[in-house]
PDB file of all heavy atoms in Angstrom:
ATOM      1  N   GLY A   1      72.649  45.784  30.046  1.00  0.00           N
ATOM      2  CA  GLY A   1      73.775  46.035  29.090  1.00  0.00           C
ATOM      3  C   GLY A   1      75.058  45.431  29.513  1.00  0.00           C
ATOM      4  O   GLY A   1      76.082  45.712  28.764  1.00  0.00           O
ATOM      5  N   LYS A   2      75.256  44.622  30.552  1.00  0.00           N
ATOM      6  CA  LYS A   2      76.417  44.043  30.920  1.00  0.00           C
ATOM      7  C   LYS A   2      76.931  43.139  29.949  1.00  0.00           C
ATOM      8  O   LYS A   2      76.196  42.326  29.445  1.00  0.00           O
ATOM      9  CB  LYS A   2      76.257  43.411  32.314  1.00  0.00           C
ATOM     10  CG  LYS A   2      77.562  42.918  32.769  1.00  0.00           C
ATOM     11  CD  LYS A   2      77.625  42.676  34.268  1.00  0.00           C
ATOM     12  CE  LYS A   2      78.941  41.987  34.554  1.00  0.00           C
ATOM     13  NZ  LYS A   2      79.601  42.350  35.750  1.00  0.00           N
ATOM     14  N   ASP A   3      78.279  43.178  29.705  1.00  0.00           N
ATOM     15  CA  ASP A   3      78.923  42.370  28.761  1.00  0.00           C
ATOM     16  C   ASP A   3      79.233  40.990  29.401  1.00  0.00           C
ATOM     17  O   ASP A   3      79.701  41.023  30.651  1.00  0.00           O
ATOM     18  CB  ASP A   3      80.177  43.041  28.219  1.00  0.00           C
ATOM     19  CG  ASP A   3      80.937  42.259  27.184  1.00  0.00           C
ATOM     20  OD1 ASP A   3      80.324  41.341  26.570  1.00  0.00           O
ATOM     21  OD2 ASP A   3      82.082  42.666  26.873  1.00  0.00           O
ATOM     22  N   LEU A   4      79.101  39.910  28.699  1.00  0.00           N
ATOM     23  CA  LEU A   4      79.450  38.584  29.299  1.00  0.00           C
ATOM     24  C   LEU A   4      80.804  38.096  28.903  1.00  0.00           C
ATOM     25  O   LEU A   4      81.101  36.961  28.957  1.00  0.00           O
ATOM     26  CB  LEU A   4      78.371  37.517  28.810  1.00  0.00           C
ATOM     27  CG  LEU A   4      76.972  37.786  29.157  1.00  0.00           C
ATOM     28  CD1 LEU A   4      76.013  36.704  28.595  1.00  0.00           C
ATOM     29  CD2 LEU A   4      76.815  38.074  30.580  1.00  0.00           C
ATOM     30  N   ALA A   5      81.731  39.072  28.407  1.00  0.00           N
ATOM     31  CA  ALA A   5      83.003  38.699  27.915  1.00  0.00           C
ATOM     32  C   ALA A   5      83.876  37.900  28.949  1.00  0.00           C
ATOM     33  O   ALA A   5      84.663  37.151  28.530  1.00  0.00           O
ATOM     34  CB  ALA A   5      83.742  40.020  27.469  1.00  0.00           C
ATOM     35  N   GLY A   6      83.710  38.128  30.241  1.00  0.00           N
ATOM     36  CA  GLY A   6      84.552  37.429  31.156  1.00  0.00           C
ATOM     37  C   GLY A   6      84.069  36.121  31.507  1.00  0.00           C
ATOM     38  O   GLY A   6      84.710  35.340  32.275  1.00  0.00           O
ATOM     39  N   MET A   7      83.030  35.699  30.885  1.00  0.00           N
ATOM     40  CA  MET A   7      82.333  34.320  31.178  1.00  0.00           C
ATOM     41  C   MET A   7      82.900  33.283  30.195  1.00  0.00           C
ATOM     42  O   MET A   7      83.235  33.697  29.019  1.00  0.00           O
ATOM     43  CB  MET A   7      80.849  34.516  30.948  1.00  0.00           C
ATOM     44  CG  MET A   7      80.073  33.313  31.495  1.00  0.00           C
ATOM     45  SD  MET A   7      78.204  33.745  31.368  1.00  0.00           S
ATOM     46  CE  MET A   7      77.973  34.921  32.657  1.00  0.00           C
ATOM     47  N   LYS A   8      83.033  32.066  30.617  1.00  0.00           N
ATOM     48  CA  LYS A   8      83.533  31.060  29.605  1.00  0.00           C
ATOM     49  C   LYS A   8      82.419  30.871  28.506  1.00  0.00           C
ATOM     50  O   LYS A   8      81.269  31.209  28.723  1.00  0.00           O
ATOM     51  CB  LYS A   8      83.607  29.651  30.431  1.00  0.00           C
ATOM     52  CG  LYS A   8      84.783  29.732  31.373  1.00  0.00           C
ATOM     53  CD  LYS A   8      84.901  28.323  32.044  1.00  0.00           C
ATOM     54  CE  LYS A   8      86.085  28.356  32.992  1.00  0.00           C
ATOM     55  NZ  LYS A   8      86.287  27.057  33.681  1.00  0.00           N
ATOM     56  N   GLN A   9      83.037  30.589  27.399  1.00  0.00           N
ATOM     57  CA  GLN A   9      82.259  30.447  26.150  1.00  0.00           C
ATOM     58  C   GLN A   9      80.851  29.688  26.310  1.00  0.00           C
ATOM     59  O   GLN A   9      79.819  30.186  25.857  1.00  0.00           O
ATOM     60  CB  GLN A   9      83.001  29.895  25.040  1.00  0.00           C
ATOM     61  CG  GLN A   9      82.192  29.862  23.695  1.00  0.00           C
ATOM     62  CD  GLN A   9      82.994  29.238  22.552  1.00  0.00           C
ATOM     63  OE1 GLN A   9      84.128  28.722  22.741  1.00  0.00           O
ATOM     64  NE2 GLN A   9      82.402  29.283  21.383  1.00  0.00           N
ATOM     65  N   ASN A  10      80.892  28.464  26.829  1.00  0.00           N
ATOM     66  CA  ASN A  10      79.741  27.676  26.997  1.00  0.00           C
ATOM     67  C   ASN A  10      78.658  28.326  27.837  1.00  0.00           C
ATOM     68  O   ASN A  10      77.527  28.376  27.520  1.00  0.00           O
ATOM     69  CB  ASN A  10      80.062  26.317  27.535  1.00  0.00           C
ATOM     70  CG  ASN A  10      80.552  25.363  26.444  1.00  0.00           C
ATOM     71  OD1 ASN A  10      80.034  25.323  25.349  1.00  0.00           O
ATOM     72  ND2 ASN A  10      81.586  24.614  26.743  1.00  0.00           N
ATOM     73  N   LYS A  11      79.054  28.974  28.925  1.00  0.00           N
ATOM     74  CA  LYS A  11      78.146  29.597  29.748  1.00  0.00           C
ATOM     75  C   LYS A  11      77.561  30.841  29.116  1.00  0.00           C
ATOM     76  O   LYS A  11      76.324  31.100  29.128  1.00  0.00           O
ATOM     77  CB  LYS A  11      78.745  30.053  31.085  1.00  0.00           C
ATOM     78  CG  LYS A  11      79.139  28.814  31.961  1.00  0.00           C
ATOM     79  CD  LYS A  11      77.960  27.907  32.225  1.00  0.00           C
ATOM     80  CE  LYS A  11      78.467  26.722  33.062  1.00  0.00           C
ATOM     81  NZ  LYS A  11      77.435  25.631  33.057  1.00  0.00           N
ATOM     82  N   ARG A  12      78.418  31.581  28.356  1.00  0.00           N
ATOM     83  CA  ARG A  12      77.984  32.660  27.717  1.00  0.00           C
ATOM     84  C   ARG A  12      76.862  32.279  26.639  1.00  0.00           C
ATOM     85  O   ARG A  12      75.805  32.956  26.511  1.00  0.00           O
ATOM     86  CB  ARG A  12      79.081  33.466  26.960  1.00  0.00           C
ATOM     87  CG  ARG A  12      78.844  34.726  26.397  1.00  0.00           C
ATOM     88  CD  ARG A  12      80.136  35.530  25.878  1.00  0.00           C
ATOM     89  NE  ARG A  12      81.019  34.707  25.161  1.00  0.00           N
ATOM     90  CZ  ARG A  12      82.239  34.449  25.646  1.00  0.00           C
ATOM     91  NH1 ARG A  12      82.719  34.849  26.778  1.00  0.00           N
ATOM     92  NH2 ARG A  12      83.072  33.709  24.759  1.00  0.00           N
ATOM     93  N   LEU A  13      77.199  31.264  25.889  1.00  0.00           N
ATOM     94  CA  LEU A  13      76.200  30.762  24.912  1.00  0.00           C
ATOM     95  C   LEU A  13      74.841  30.296  25.567  1.00  0.00           C
ATOM     96  O   LEU A  13      73.811  30.525  25.118  1.00  0.00           O
ATOM     97  CB  LEU A  13      76.798  29.546  24.159  1.00  0.00           C
ATOM     98  CG  LEU A  13      77.879  29.858  23.225  1.00  0.00           C
ATOM     99  CD1 LEU A  13      78.512  28.621  22.723  1.00  0.00           C
ATOM    100  CD2 LEU A  13      77.521  30.708  22.032  1.00  0.00           C
ATOM    101  N   MET A  14      74.964  29.707  26.740  1.00  0.00           N
ATOM    102  CA  MET A  14      73.729  29.245  27.429  1.00  0.00           C
ATOM    103  C   MET A  14      72.997  30.512  27.897  1.00  0.00           C
ATOM    104  O   MET A  14      71.700  30.497  27.674  1.00  0.00           O
ATOM    105  CB  MET A  14      74.146  28.454  28.686  1.00  0.00           C
ATOM    106  CG  MET A  14      72.934  28.034  29.468  1.00  0.00           C
ATOM    107  SD  MET A  14      73.423  27.137  30.993  1.00  0.00           S
ATOM    108  CE  MET A  14      74.001  28.421  32.100  1.00  0.00           C
ATOM    109  N   PHE A  15      73.596  31.424  28.428  1.00  0.00           N
ATOM    110  CA  PHE A  15      72.895  32.529  28.924  1.00  0.00           C
ATOM    111  C   PHE A  15      72.285  33.411  27.823  1.00  0.00           C
ATOM    112  O   PHE A  15      71.217  34.009  27.923  1.00  0.00           O
ATOM    113  CB  PHE A  15      73.704  33.521  29.884  1.00  0.00           C
ATOM    114  CG  PHE A  15      73.826  32.879  31.253  1.00  0.00           C
ATOM    115  CD1 PHE A  15      75.174  32.530  31.722  1.00  0.00           C
ATOM    116  CD2 PHE A  15      72.779  32.534  31.992  1.00  0.00           C
ATOM    117  CE1 PHE A  15      75.239  32.053  32.970  1.00  0.00           C
ATOM    118  CE2 PHE A  15      72.904  32.029  33.288  1.00  0.00           C
ATOM    119  CZ  PHE A  15      74.160  31.657  33.683  1.00  0.00           C
ATOM    120  N   ARG A  16      72.919  33.414  26.707  1.00  0.00           N
ATOM    121  CA  ARG A  16      72.383  34.143  25.509  1.00  0.00           C
ATOM    122  C   ARG A  16      71.125  33.418  24.943  1.00  0.00           C
ATOM    123  O   ARG A  16      70.227  34.058  24.601  1.00  0.00           O
ATOM    124  CB  ARG A  16      73.425  34.177  24.423  1.00  0.00           C
ATOM    125  CG  ARG A  16      74.417  35.282  24.663  1.00  0.00           C
ATOM    126  CD  ARG A  16      75.473  35.470  23.544  1.00  0.00           C
ATOM    127  NE  ARG A  16      76.401  36.467  23.849  1.00  0.00           N
ATOM    128  CZ  ARG A  16      77.575  36.532  23.303  1.00  0.00           C
ATOM    129  NH1 ARG A  16      78.057  35.535  22.427  1.00  0.00           N
ATOM    130  NH2 ARG A  16      78.449  37.498  23.614  1.00  0.00           N
ATOM    131  N   GLU A  17      71.130  32.102  25.038  1.00  0.00           N
ATOM    132  CA  GLU A  17      69.954  31.273  24.561  1.00  0.00           C
ATOM    133  C   GLU A  17      68.758  31.500  25.628  1.00  0.00           C
ATOM    134  O   GLU A  17      67.713  31.673  25.256  1.00  0.00           O
ATOM    135  CB  GLU A  17      70.260  29.859  24.473  1.00  0.00           C
ATOM    136  CG  GLU A  17      69.094  28.978  24.192  1.00  0.00           C
ATOM    137  CD  GLU A  17      68.407  29.134  22.813  1.00  0.00           C
ATOM    138  OE1 GLU A  17      69.078  29.858  21.856  1.00  0.00           O
ATOM    139  OE2 GLU A  17      67.318  28.729  22.613  1.00  0.00           O
ATOM    140  N   ILE A  18      69.030  31.563  26.915  1.00  0.00           N
ATOM    141  CA  ILE A  18      68.133  31.812  27.911  1.00  0.00           C
ATOM    142  C   ILE A  18      67.523  33.251  27.651  1.00  0.00           C
ATOM    143  O   ILE A  18      66.314  33.460  27.616  1.00  0.00           O
ATOM    144  CB  ILE A  18      68.675  31.649  29.297  1.00  0.00           C
ATOM    145  CG1 ILE A  18      68.928  30.193  29.546  1.00  0.00           C
ATOM    146  CG2 ILE A  18      67.587  32.179  30.348  1.00  0.00           C
ATOM    147  CD1 ILE A  18      69.778  29.995  30.831  1.00  0.00           C
ATOM    148  N   PHE A  19      68.351  34.197  27.420  1.00  0.00           N
ATOM    149  CA  PHE A  19      67.979  35.570  27.206  1.00  0.00           C
ATOM    150  C   PHE A  19      67.064  35.649  25.982  1.00  0.00           C
ATOM    151  O   PHE A  19      66.006  36.250  26.034  1.00  0.00           O
ATOM    152  CB  PHE A  19      69.349  36.424  27.033  1.00  0.00           C
ATOM    153  CG  PHE A  19      68.973  37.883  26.853  1.00  0.00           C
ATOM    154  CD1 PHE A  19      68.535  38.669  28.048  1.00  0.00           C
ATOM    155  CD2 PHE A  19      69.352  38.547  25.736  1.00  0.00           C
ATOM    156  CE1 PHE A  19      68.308  39.981  27.833  1.00  0.00           C
ATOM    157  CE2 PHE A  19      69.206  39.926  25.651  1.00  0.00           C
ATOM    158  CZ  PHE A  19      68.641  40.605  26.638  1.00  0.00           C
ATOM    159  N   ARG A  20      67.401  35.041  24.944  1.00  0.00           N
ATOM    160  CA  ARG A  20      66.644  35.016  23.745  1.00  0.00           C
ATOM    161  C   ARG A  20      65.251  34.438  23.961  1.00  0.00           C
ATOM    162  O   ARG A  20      64.288  35.030  23.539  1.00  0.00           O
ATOM    163  CB  ARG A  20      67.342  34.250  22.668  1.00  0.00           C
ATOM    164  CG  ARG A  20      66.715  34.095  21.181  1.00  0.00           C
ATOM    165  CD  ARG A  20      67.310  33.260  20.271  1.00  0.00           C
ATOM    166  NE  ARG A  20      67.084  31.845  20.555  1.00  0.00           N
ATOM    167  CZ  ARG A  20      65.967  31.217  20.443  1.00  0.00           C
ATOM    168  NH1 ARG A  20      64.955  31.776  20.008  1.00  0.00           N
ATOM    169  NH2 ARG A  20      65.866  29.914  20.773  1.00  0.00           N
ATOM    170  N   ARG A  21      65.190  33.301  24.687  1.00  0.00           N
ATOM    171  CA  ARG A  21      63.863  32.760  24.979  1.00  0.00           C
ATOM    172  C   ARG A  21      63.010  33.604  25.997  1.00  0.00           C
ATOM    173  O   ARG A  21      61.723  33.700  25.772  1.00  0.00           O
ATOM    174  CB  ARG A  21      64.124  31.297  25.578  1.00  0.00           C
ATOM    175  CG  ARG A  21      64.603  30.363  24.631  1.00  0.00           C
ATOM    176  CD  ARG A  21      64.627  29.030  25.176  1.00  0.00           C
ATOM    177  NE  ARG A  21      65.340  28.048  24.376  1.00  0.00           N
ATOM    178  CZ  ARG A  21      65.330  26.647  24.577  1.00  0.00           C
ATOM    179  NH1 ARG A  21      64.692  26.192  25.635  1.00  0.00           N
ATOM    180  NH2 ARG A  21      66.080  25.905  23.814  1.00  0.00           N
ATOM    181  N   VAL A  22      63.720  34.242  26.881  1.00  0.00           N
ATOM    182  CA  VAL A  22      62.936  35.147  27.769  1.00  0.00           C
ATOM    183  C   VAL A  22      62.375  36.324  27.040  1.00  0.00           C
ATOM    184  O   VAL A  22      61.146  36.685  27.174  1.00  0.00           O
ATOM    185  CB  VAL A  22      63.920  35.741  28.917  1.00  0.00           C
ATOM    186  CG1 VAL A  22      63.238  36.827  29.706  1.00  0.00           C
ATOM    187  CG2 VAL A  22      64.246  34.542  29.897  1.00  0.00           C
ATOM    188  N   LYS A  23      63.138  36.857  26.154  1.00  0.00           N
ATOM    189  CA  LYS A  23      62.568  37.886  25.291  1.00  0.00           C
ATOM    190  C   LYS A  23      61.464  37.454  24.458  1.00  0.00           C
ATOM    191  O   LYS A  23      60.491  38.219  24.230  1.00  0.00           O
ATOM    192  CB  LYS A  23      63.685  38.454  24.417  1.00  0.00           C
ATOM    193  CG  LYS A  23      64.628  39.352  25.297  1.00  0.00           C
ATOM    194  CD  LYS A  23      65.661  40.191  24.524  1.00  0.00           C
ATOM    195  CE  LYS A  23      66.033  39.846  23.135  1.00  0.00           C
ATOM    196  NZ  LYS A  23      67.103  40.629  22.553  1.00  0.00           N
ATOM    197  N   GLN A  24      61.461  36.305  23.918  1.00  0.00           N
ATOM    198  CA  GLN A  24      60.425  35.701  23.100  1.00  0.00           C
ATOM    199  C   GLN A  24      59.170  35.562  23.938  1.00  0.00           C
ATOM    200  O   GLN A  24      58.033  35.849  23.534  1.00  0.00           O
ATOM    201  CB  GLN A  24      60.777  34.295  22.568  1.00  0.00           C
ATOM    202  CG  GLN A  24      61.515  34.302  21.377  1.00  0.00           C
ATOM    203  CD  GLN A  24      61.794  32.822  20.816  1.00  0.00           C
ATOM    204  OE1 GLN A  24      61.802  31.860  21.668  1.00  0.00           O
ATOM    205  NE2 GLN A  24      61.911  32.762  19.534  1.00  0.00           N
ATOM    206  N   LEU A  25      59.288  34.994  25.263  1.00  0.00           N
ATOM    207  CA  LEU A  25      58.164  34.930  26.172  1.00  0.00           C
ATOM    208  C   LEU A  25      57.597  36.312  26.451  1.00  0.00           C
ATOM    209  O   LEU A  25      56.263  36.378  26.420  1.00  0.00           O
ATOM    210  CB  LEU A  25      58.515  34.278  27.479  1.00  0.00           C
ATOM    211  CG  LEU A  25      58.734  32.762  27.463  1.00  0.00           C
ATOM    212  CD1 LEU A  25      59.099  32.322  28.782  1.00  0.00           C
ATOM    213  CD2 LEU A  25      57.513  32.013  26.927  1.00  0.00           C
ATOM    214  N   GLN A  26      58.302  37.255  26.588  1.00  0.00           N
ATOM    215  CA  GLN A  26      57.865  38.683  26.887  1.00  0.00           C
ATOM    216  C   GLN A  26      56.948  39.204  25.754  1.00  0.00           C
ATOM    217  O   GLN A  26      56.084  40.027  25.963  1.00  0.00           O
ATOM    218  CB  GLN A  26      59.005  39.637  27.225  1.00  0.00           C
ATOM    219  CG  GLN A  26      59.653  39.356  28.484  1.00  0.00           C
ATOM    220  CD  GLN A  26      60.841  40.296  28.603  1.00  0.00           C
ATOM    221  OE1 GLN A  26      61.545  40.516  27.823  1.00  0.00           O
ATOM    222  NE2 GLN A  26      60.971  40.621  29.918  1.00  0.00           N
ATOM    223  N   GLN A  27      57.053  38.660  24.533  1.00  0.00           N
ATOM    224  CA  GLN A  27      56.276  39.124  23.421  1.00  0.00           C
ATOM    225  C   GLN A  27      54.921  38.520  23.445  1.00  0.00           C
ATOM    226  O   GLN A  27      54.061  38.998  22.652  1.00  0.00           O
ATOM    227  CB  GLN A  27      56.989  38.855  22.113  1.00  0.00           C
ATOM    228  CG  GLN A  27      58.428  39.419  22.034  1.00  0.00           C
ATOM    229  CD  GLN A  27      58.462  40.946  22.090  1.00  0.00           C
ATOM    230  OE1 GLN A  27      57.611  41.635  21.542  1.00  0.00           O
ATOM    231  NE2 GLN A  27      59.292  41.482  23.085  1.00  0.00           N
ATOM    232  N   LEU A  28      54.807  37.506  24.132  1.00  0.00           N
ATOM    233  CA  LEU A  28      53.531  36.733  24.174  1.00  0.00           C
ATOM    234  C   LEU A  28      52.561  37.340  25.159  1.00  0.00           C
ATOM    235  O   LEU A  28      52.918  37.550  26.343  1.00  0.00           O
ATOM    236  CB  LEU A  28      53.714  35.243  24.491  1.00  0.00           C
ATOM    237  CG  LEU A  28      54.632  34.436  23.455  1.00  0.00           C
ATOM    238  CD1 LEU A  28      54.844  33.074  23.973  1.00  0.00           C
ATOM    239  CD2 LEU A  28      54.054  34.501  22.112  1.00  0.00           C
ATOM    240  N   SER A  29      51.390  37.535  24.777  1.00  0.00           N
ATOM    241  CA  SER A  29      50.334  38.270  25.647  1.00  0.00           C
ATOM    242  C   SER A  29      50.117  37.638  27.015  1.00  0.00           C
ATOM    243  O   SER A  29      50.039  38.171  28.079  1.00  0.00           O
ATOM    244  CB  SER A  29      49.036  38.403  24.910  1.00  0.00           C
ATOM    245  OG  SER A  29      48.502  37.165  24.552  1.00  0.00           O
ATOM    246  N   GLN A  30      50.159  36.234  27.101  1.00  0.00           N
ATOM    247  CA  GLN A  30      50.007  35.555  28.288  1.00  0.00           C
ATOM    248  C   GLN A  30      51.119  35.784  29.290  1.00  0.00           C
ATOM    249  O   GLN A  30      50.892  35.470  30.432  1.00  0.00           O
ATOM    250  CB  GLN A  30      49.633  34.063  28.082  1.00  0.00           C
ATOM    251  CG  GLN A  30      50.686  33.172  27.685  1.00  0.00           C
ATOM    252  CD  GLN A  30      50.668  32.903  26.178  1.00  0.00           C
ATOM    253  OE1 GLN A  30      50.298  33.741  25.403  1.00  0.00           O
ATOM    254  NE2 GLN A  30      51.008  31.633  25.884  1.00  0.00           N
ATOM    255  N   TYR A  31      52.130  36.262  28.855  1.00  0.00           N
ATOM    256  CA  TYR A  31      53.335  36.387  29.810  1.00  0.00           C
ATOM    257  C   TYR A  31      53.648  37.956  30.061  1.00  0.00           C
ATOM    258  O   TYR A  31      54.662  38.234  30.652  1.00  0.00           O
ATOM    259  CB  TYR A  31      54.551  35.786  29.189  1.00  0.00           C
ATOM    260  CG  TYR A  31      54.434  34.246  29.118  1.00  0.00           C
ATOM    261  CD1 TYR A  31      54.142  33.605  27.900  1.00  0.00           C
ATOM    262  CD2 TYR A  31      54.509  33.447  30.298  1.00  0.00           C
ATOM    263  CE1 TYR A  31      54.116  32.189  27.800  1.00  0.00           C
ATOM    264  CE2 TYR A  31      54.346  32.108  30.239  1.00  0.00           C
ATOM    265  CZ  TYR A  31      54.149  31.460  29.035  1.00  0.00           C
ATOM    266  OH  TYR A  31      54.023  30.076  28.905  1.00  0.00           O
ATOM    267  N   LYS A  32      52.728  38.794  29.614  1.00  0.00           N
ATOM    268  CA  LYS A  32      52.994  40.230  29.616  1.00  0.00           C
ATOM    269  C   LYS A  32      53.273  40.698  31.086  1.00  0.00           C
ATOM    270  O   LYS A  32      54.055  41.607  31.391  1.00  0.00           O
ATOM    271  CB  LYS A  32      51.941  41.092  29.029  1.00  0.00           C
ATOM    272  CG  LYS A  32      51.955  41.097  27.535  1.00  0.00           C
ATOM    273  CD  LYS A  32      52.986  41.982  27.009  1.00  0.00           C
ATOM    274  CE  LYS A  32      52.827  42.072  25.535  1.00  0.00           C
ATOM    275  NZ  LYS A  32      53.977  42.409  24.831  1.00  0.00           N
ATOM    276  N   ASN A  33      52.581  40.162  32.026  1.00  0.00           N
ATOM    277  CA  ASN A  33      52.630  40.574  33.467  1.00  0.00           C
ATOM    278  C   ASN A  33      53.536  39.821  34.352  1.00  0.00           C
ATOM    279  O   ASN A  33      53.457  39.950  35.506  1.00  0.00           O
ATOM    280  CB  ASN A  33      51.225  40.585  34.014  1.00  0.00           C
ATOM    281  CG  ASN A  33      50.378  41.623  33.376  1.00  0.00           C
ATOM    282  OD1 ASN A  33      50.770  42.782  33.024  1.00  0.00           O
ATOM    283  ND2 ASN A  33      49.053  41.291  33.117  1.00  0.00           N
ATOM    284  N   TYR A  34      54.247  38.872  33.772  1.00  0.00           N
ATOM    285  CA  TYR A  34      55.181  38.058  34.583  1.00  0.00           C
ATOM    286  C   TYR A  34      56.451  38.819  34.857  1.00  0.00           C
ATOM    287  O   TYR A  34      56.903  39.678  34.102  1.00  0.00           O
ATOM    288  CB  TYR A  34      55.613  36.810  33.752  1.00  0.00           C
ATOM    289  CG  TYR A  34      54.506  35.670  33.747  1.00  0.00           C
ATOM    290  CD1 TYR A  34      53.247  35.914  33.244  1.00  0.00           C
ATOM    291  CD2 TYR A  34      54.937  34.488  34.217  1.00  0.00           C
ATOM    292  CE1 TYR A  34      52.368  34.850  33.190  1.00  0.00           C
ATOM    293  CE2 TYR A  34      54.071  33.311  34.124  1.00  0.00           C
ATOM    294  CZ  TYR A  34      52.773  33.588  33.702  1.00  0.00           C
ATOM    295  OH  TYR A  34      51.852  32.505  33.753  1.00  0.00           O
ATOM    296  N   ARG A  35      57.030  38.609  36.019  1.00  0.00           N
ATOM    297  CA  ARG A  35      58.316  39.270  36.486  1.00  0.00           C
ATOM    298  C   ARG A  35      59.369  38.495  35.634  1.00  0.00           C
ATOM    299  O   ARG A  35      59.196  37.354  35.188  1.00  0.00           O
ATOM    300  CB  ARG A  35      58.432  39.117  37.888  1.00  0.00           C
ATOM    301  CG  ARG A  35      57.479  39.858  38.811  1.00  0.00           C
ATOM    302  CD  ARG A  35      57.865  39.738  40.294  1.00  0.00           C
ATOM    303  NE  ARG A  35      58.371  38.508  40.658  1.00  0.00           N
ATOM    304  CZ  ARG A  35      57.895  37.692  41.615  1.00  0.00           C
ATOM    305  NH1 ARG A  35      56.869  38.080  42.259  1.00  0.00           N
ATOM    306  NH2 ARG A  35      58.344  36.502  41.815  1.00  0.00           N
ATOM    307  N   LEU A  36      60.466  39.128  35.597  1.00  0.00           N
ATOM    308  CA  LEU A  36      61.701  38.516  34.844  1.00  0.00           C
ATOM    309  C   LEU A  36      62.094  37.233  35.531  1.00  0.00           C
ATOM    310  O   LEU A  36      62.302  36.322  34.715  1.00  0.00           O
ATOM    311  CB  LEU A  36      62.897  39.511  34.872  1.00  0.00           C
ATOM    312  CG  LEU A  36      64.156  39.144  34.235  1.00  0.00           C
ATOM    313  CD1 LEU A  36      63.839  38.863  32.658  1.00  0.00           C
ATOM    314  CD2 LEU A  36      65.228  40.033  34.310  1.00  0.00           C
ATOM    315  N   SER A  37      62.061  37.171  36.810  1.00  0.00           N
ATOM    316  CA  SER A  37      62.459  35.953  37.462  1.00  0.00           C
ATOM    317  C   SER A  37      61.547  34.804  37.116  1.00  0.00           C
ATOM    318  O   SER A  37      61.978  33.621  37.034  1.00  0.00           O
ATOM    319  CB  SER A  37      62.570  36.146  38.994  1.00  0.00           C
ATOM    320  OG  SER A  37      61.363  36.571  39.490  1.00  0.00           O
ATOM    321  N   GLU A  38      60.238  35.086  37.000  1.00  0.00           N
ATOM    322  CA  GLU A  38      59.251  34.054  36.598  1.00  0.00           C
ATOM    323  C   GLU A  38      59.515  33.581  35.227  1.00  0.00           C
ATOM    324  O   GLU A  38      59.394  32.329  34.870  1.00  0.00           O
ATOM    325  CB  GLU A  38      57.882  34.575  36.783  1.00  0.00           C
ATOM    326  CG  GLU A  38      57.488  34.855  38.097  1.00  0.00           C
ATOM    327  CD  GLU A  38      56.172  35.563  38.352  1.00  0.00           C
ATOM    328  OE1 GLU A  38      55.916  36.501  37.511  1.00  0.00           O
ATOM    329  OE2 GLU A  38      55.299  35.214  39.277  1.00  0.00           O
ATOM    330  N   LEU A  39      59.862  34.455  34.340  1.00  0.00           N
ATOM    331  CA  LEU A  39      60.087  34.133  32.887  1.00  0.00           C
ATOM    332  C   LEU A  39      61.318  33.240  32.839  1.00  0.00           C
ATOM    333  O   LEU A  39      61.335  32.254  32.078  1.00  0.00           O
ATOM    334  CB  LEU A  39      60.176  35.403  31.987  1.00  0.00           C
ATOM    335  CG  LEU A  39      58.943  36.179  31.899  1.00  0.00           C
ATOM    336  CD1 LEU A  39      59.220  37.475  31.181  1.00  0.00           C
ATOM    337  CD2 LEU A  39      57.888  35.453  31.113  1.00  0.00           C
ATOM    338  N   VAL A  40      62.287  33.653  33.592  1.00  0.00           N
ATOM    339  CA  VAL A  40      63.687  32.896  33.613  1.00  0.00           C
ATOM    340  C   VAL A  40      63.327  31.450  34.060  1.00  0.00           C
ATOM    341  O   VAL A  40      63.827  30.511  33.521  1.00  0.00           O
ATOM    342  CB  VAL A  40      64.709  33.584  34.396  1.00  0.00           C
ATOM    343  CG1 VAL A  40      65.935  32.736  34.647  1.00  0.00           C
ATOM    344  CG2 VAL A  40      65.113  34.899  33.772  1.00  0.00           C
TER     345      VAL A  40
END
């Protein structure tokens, strides 16, 4: 729940896109048992 408000806009956008994709992978059955670092 940490806010990225202190981060520069481009980096914030990049991490939001990475976060979105990580969440998408977590929804797929083949990635259910992967650690967060592996998904990232």
